[in-house]
């Protein structure tokens, strides 16, 4: 994630930088994954959307 935020202008990087230290959101992601559901985080800049998708092992999208 840090590599992605390093490539974005500061204003667009803020949500990703916040996510890196957001323990509550990490717990929510873990709850989704351990419950068998995928987790998605989307960041934007002026012309591009970056999507991080994580699925538990063995899950089908």
N, C-alpha and C. Protein backbone atom coordinates (compact mmCIF):
# COMPACT_ATOMS: atom_id res chain seq x y z
N UNK A 1 0.82 -1.18 0.00
CA UNK A 1 0.00 0.00 0.00
C UNK A 1 0.87 1.25 0.00
N UNK A 2 1.93 1.25 0.76
CA UNK A 2 2.81 2.43 0.83
C UNK A 2 3.36 2.77 -0.55
N UNK A 3 3.69 1.75 -1.35
CA UNK A 3 4.20 2.00 -2.70
C UNK A 3 3.16 2.75 -3.54
N UNK A 4 1.90 2.38 -3.38
CA UNK A 4 0.84 3.05 -4.13
C UNK A 4 0.66 4.49 -3.66
N UNK A 5 0.60 4.71 -2.36
CA UNK A 5 0.40 6.07 -1.87
C UNK A 5 1.58 6.97 -2.21
N UNK A 6 2.78 6.39 -2.31
CA UNK A 6 3.95 7.18 -2.70
C UNK A 6 3.82 7.74 -4.11
N UNK A 7 3.04 7.09 -4.95
CA UNK A 7 2.88 7.52 -6.34
C UNK A 7 1.78 8.57 -6.52
N UNK A 8 0.96 8.77 -5.51
CA UNK A 8 -0.18 9.69 -5.62
C UNK A 8 0.17 11.07 -5.08
N UNK A 9 -0.49 12.09 -5.62
CA UNK A 9 -0.37 13.42 -5.03
C UNK A 9 -0.89 13.36 -3.60
N UNK A 10 -0.41 14.26 -2.76
CA UNK A 10 -0.72 14.22 -1.33
C UNK A 10 -2.21 14.13 -1.03
N UNK A 11 -3.02 14.93 -1.71
CA UNK A 11 -4.46 14.92 -1.42
C UNK A 11 -5.09 13.57 -1.73
N UNK A 12 -4.66 12.93 -2.80
CA UNK A 12 -5.22 11.63 -3.17
C UNK A 12 -4.63 10.50 -2.32
N UNK A 13 -3.45 10.70 -1.79
CA UNK A 13 -2.79 9.68 -0.97
C UNK A 13 -3.36 9.58 0.43
N UNK A 14 -4.01 10.64 0.92
CA UNK A 14 -4.47 10.68 2.31
C UNK A 14 -5.34 9.49 2.73
N UNK A 15 -6.34 9.08 1.94
CA UNK A 15 -7.13 7.92 2.37
C UNK A 15 -6.28 6.64 2.54
N UNK A 16 -5.34 6.44 1.64
CA UNK A 16 -4.48 5.26 1.74
C UNK A 16 -3.54 5.35 2.92
N UNK A 17 -3.00 6.53 3.17
CA UNK A 17 -2.12 6.71 4.33
C UNK A 17 -2.89 6.52 5.63
N UNK A 18 -4.11 7.00 5.65
CA UNK A 18 -4.95 6.79 6.83
C UNK A 18 -5.22 5.30 7.04
N UNK A 19 -5.52 4.59 5.95
CA UNK A 19 -5.80 3.16 6.03
C UNK A 19 -4.63 2.40 6.64
N UNK A 20 -3.41 2.82 6.33
CA UNK A 20 -2.23 2.12 6.84
C UNK A 20 -2.16 2.10 8.36
N UNK A 21 -2.76 3.07 9.01
CA UNK A 21 -2.70 3.15 10.47
C UNK A 21 -4.05 2.98 11.15
N UNK A 22 -5.07 2.63 10.40
CA UNK A 22 -6.43 2.52 10.92
C UNK A 22 -6.69 1.11 11.44
N UNK A 23 -6.46 0.92 12.73
CA UNK A 23 -6.60 -0.42 13.32
C UNK A 23 -8.04 -0.93 13.24
N UNK A 24 -9.00 -0.07 13.39
CA UNK A 24 -10.41 -0.49 13.32
C UNK A 24 -10.73 -1.02 11.92
N UNK A 25 -10.22 -0.36 10.90
CA UNK A 25 -10.47 -0.84 9.54
C UNK A 25 -9.74 -2.14 9.27
N UNK A 26 -8.55 -2.31 9.82
CA UNK A 26 -7.83 -3.58 9.69
C UNK A 26 -8.63 -4.72 10.35
N UNK A 27 -9.22 -4.43 11.50
CA UNK A 27 -10.06 -5.43 12.17
C UNK A 27 -11.28 -5.76 11.33
N UNK A 28 -11.87 -4.75 10.71
CA UNK A 28 -13.03 -4.99 9.85
C UNK A 28 -12.63 -5.86 8.65
N UNK A 29 -11.50 -5.56 8.04
CA UNK A 29 -11.02 -6.37 6.92
C UNK A 29 -10.78 -7.81 7.36
N UNK A 30 -10.16 -7.98 8.51
CA UNK A 30 -9.91 -9.33 9.03
C UNK A 30 -11.21 -10.07 9.31
N UNK A 31 -12.20 -9.37 9.84
CA UNK A 31 -13.50 -9.99 10.09
C UNK A 31 -14.14 -10.46 8.79
N UNK A 32 -14.06 -9.65 7.76
CA UNK A 32 -14.59 -10.06 6.45
C UNK A 32 -13.88 -11.32 5.96
N UNK A 33 -12.57 -11.29 6.00
CA UNK A 33 -11.79 -12.40 5.46
C UNK A 33 -11.99 -13.68 6.26
N UNK A 34 -12.00 -13.58 7.59
CA UNK A 34 -12.21 -14.78 8.39
C UNK A 34 -13.64 -15.28 8.29
N UNK A 35 -14.57 -14.40 7.92
CA UNK A 35 -15.95 -14.78 7.72
C UNK A 35 -16.23 -15.33 6.33
N UNK A 36 -15.17 -15.39 5.50
CA UNK A 36 -15.33 -15.95 4.16
C UNK A 36 -15.70 -14.95 3.08
N UNK A 37 -15.67 -13.67 3.42
CA UNK A 37 -16.03 -12.61 2.48
C UNK A 37 -14.79 -11.86 2.04
N UNK A 38 -14.79 -11.37 0.82
CA UNK A 38 -13.68 -10.57 0.32
C UNK A 38 -13.70 -9.17 0.90
N UNK A 39 -12.57 -8.50 0.79
CA UNK A 39 -12.41 -7.13 1.26
C UNK A 39 -11.88 -6.30 0.10
N UNK A 40 -12.37 -5.08 -0.03
CA UNK A 40 -11.95 -4.20 -1.12
C UNK A 40 -11.63 -2.81 -0.59
N UNK A 41 -10.54 -2.26 -1.06
CA UNK A 41 -10.17 -0.88 -0.76
C UNK A 41 -9.90 -0.20 -2.10
N UNK A 42 -10.51 0.94 -2.32
CA UNK A 42 -10.35 1.66 -3.58
C UNK A 42 -9.80 3.05 -3.31
N UNK A 43 -8.76 3.41 -4.06
CA UNK A 43 -8.18 4.74 -4.02
C UNK A 43 -8.29 5.35 -5.41
N UNK A 44 -8.40 6.67 -5.46
CA UNK A 44 -8.57 7.38 -6.72
C UNK A 44 -7.55 8.49 -6.85
N UNK A 45 -7.23 8.83 -8.08
CA UNK A 45 -6.60 10.11 -8.37
C UNK A 45 -7.39 10.75 -9.50
N UNK A 46 -6.84 11.71 -10.17
CA UNK A 46 -7.61 12.43 -11.19
C UNK A 46 -8.11 11.54 -12.33
N UNK A 47 -7.34 10.53 -12.69
CA UNK A 47 -7.70 9.75 -13.87
C UNK A 47 -7.70 8.24 -13.67
N UNK A 48 -7.36 7.77 -12.49
CA UNK A 48 -7.18 6.34 -12.28
C UNK A 48 -7.83 5.89 -10.98
N UNK A 49 -8.34 4.67 -11.01
CA UNK A 49 -8.89 4.05 -9.80
C UNK A 49 -7.99 2.85 -9.49
N UNK A 50 -7.51 2.75 -8.25
CA UNK A 50 -6.67 1.65 -7.78
C UNK A 50 -7.50 0.83 -6.82
N UNK A 51 -7.61 -0.47 -7.08
CA UNK A 51 -8.47 -1.32 -6.27
C UNK A 51 -7.63 -2.45 -5.68
N UNK A 52 -7.64 -2.57 -4.37
CA UNK A 52 -7.01 -3.67 -3.66
C UNK A 52 -8.12 -4.65 -3.30
N UNK A 53 -8.02 -5.86 -3.78
CA UNK A 53 -9.00 -6.90 -3.46
C UNK A 53 -8.30 -8.02 -2.72
N UNK A 54 -8.91 -8.48 -1.67
CA UNK A 54 -8.37 -9.61 -0.92
C UNK A 54 -9.52 -10.58 -0.67
N UNK A 55 -9.27 -11.85 -0.93
CA UNK A 55 -10.25 -12.90 -0.69
C UNK A 55 -9.61 -13.98 0.16
N UNK A 56 -10.37 -14.61 1.03
CA UNK A 56 -9.81 -15.70 1.83
C UNK A 56 -9.40 -16.87 0.93
N UNK A 57 -8.45 -17.63 1.38
CA UNK A 57 -7.99 -18.79 0.61
C UNK A 57 -9.15 -19.71 0.29
N UNK A 58 -9.22 -20.14 -0.94
CA UNK A 58 -10.28 -21.06 -1.35
C UNK A 58 -11.57 -20.39 -1.75
N UNK A 59 -11.67 -19.09 -1.58
CA UNK A 59 -12.90 -18.38 -1.93
C UNK A 59 -12.99 -18.18 -3.43
N UNK A 60 -14.19 -18.19 -3.94
CA UNK A 60 -14.39 -17.84 -5.33
C UNK A 60 -15.03 -16.47 -5.36
N UNK A 61 -14.55 -15.63 -6.22
CA UNK A 61 -14.99 -14.23 -6.26
C UNK A 61 -16.50 -14.17 -6.25
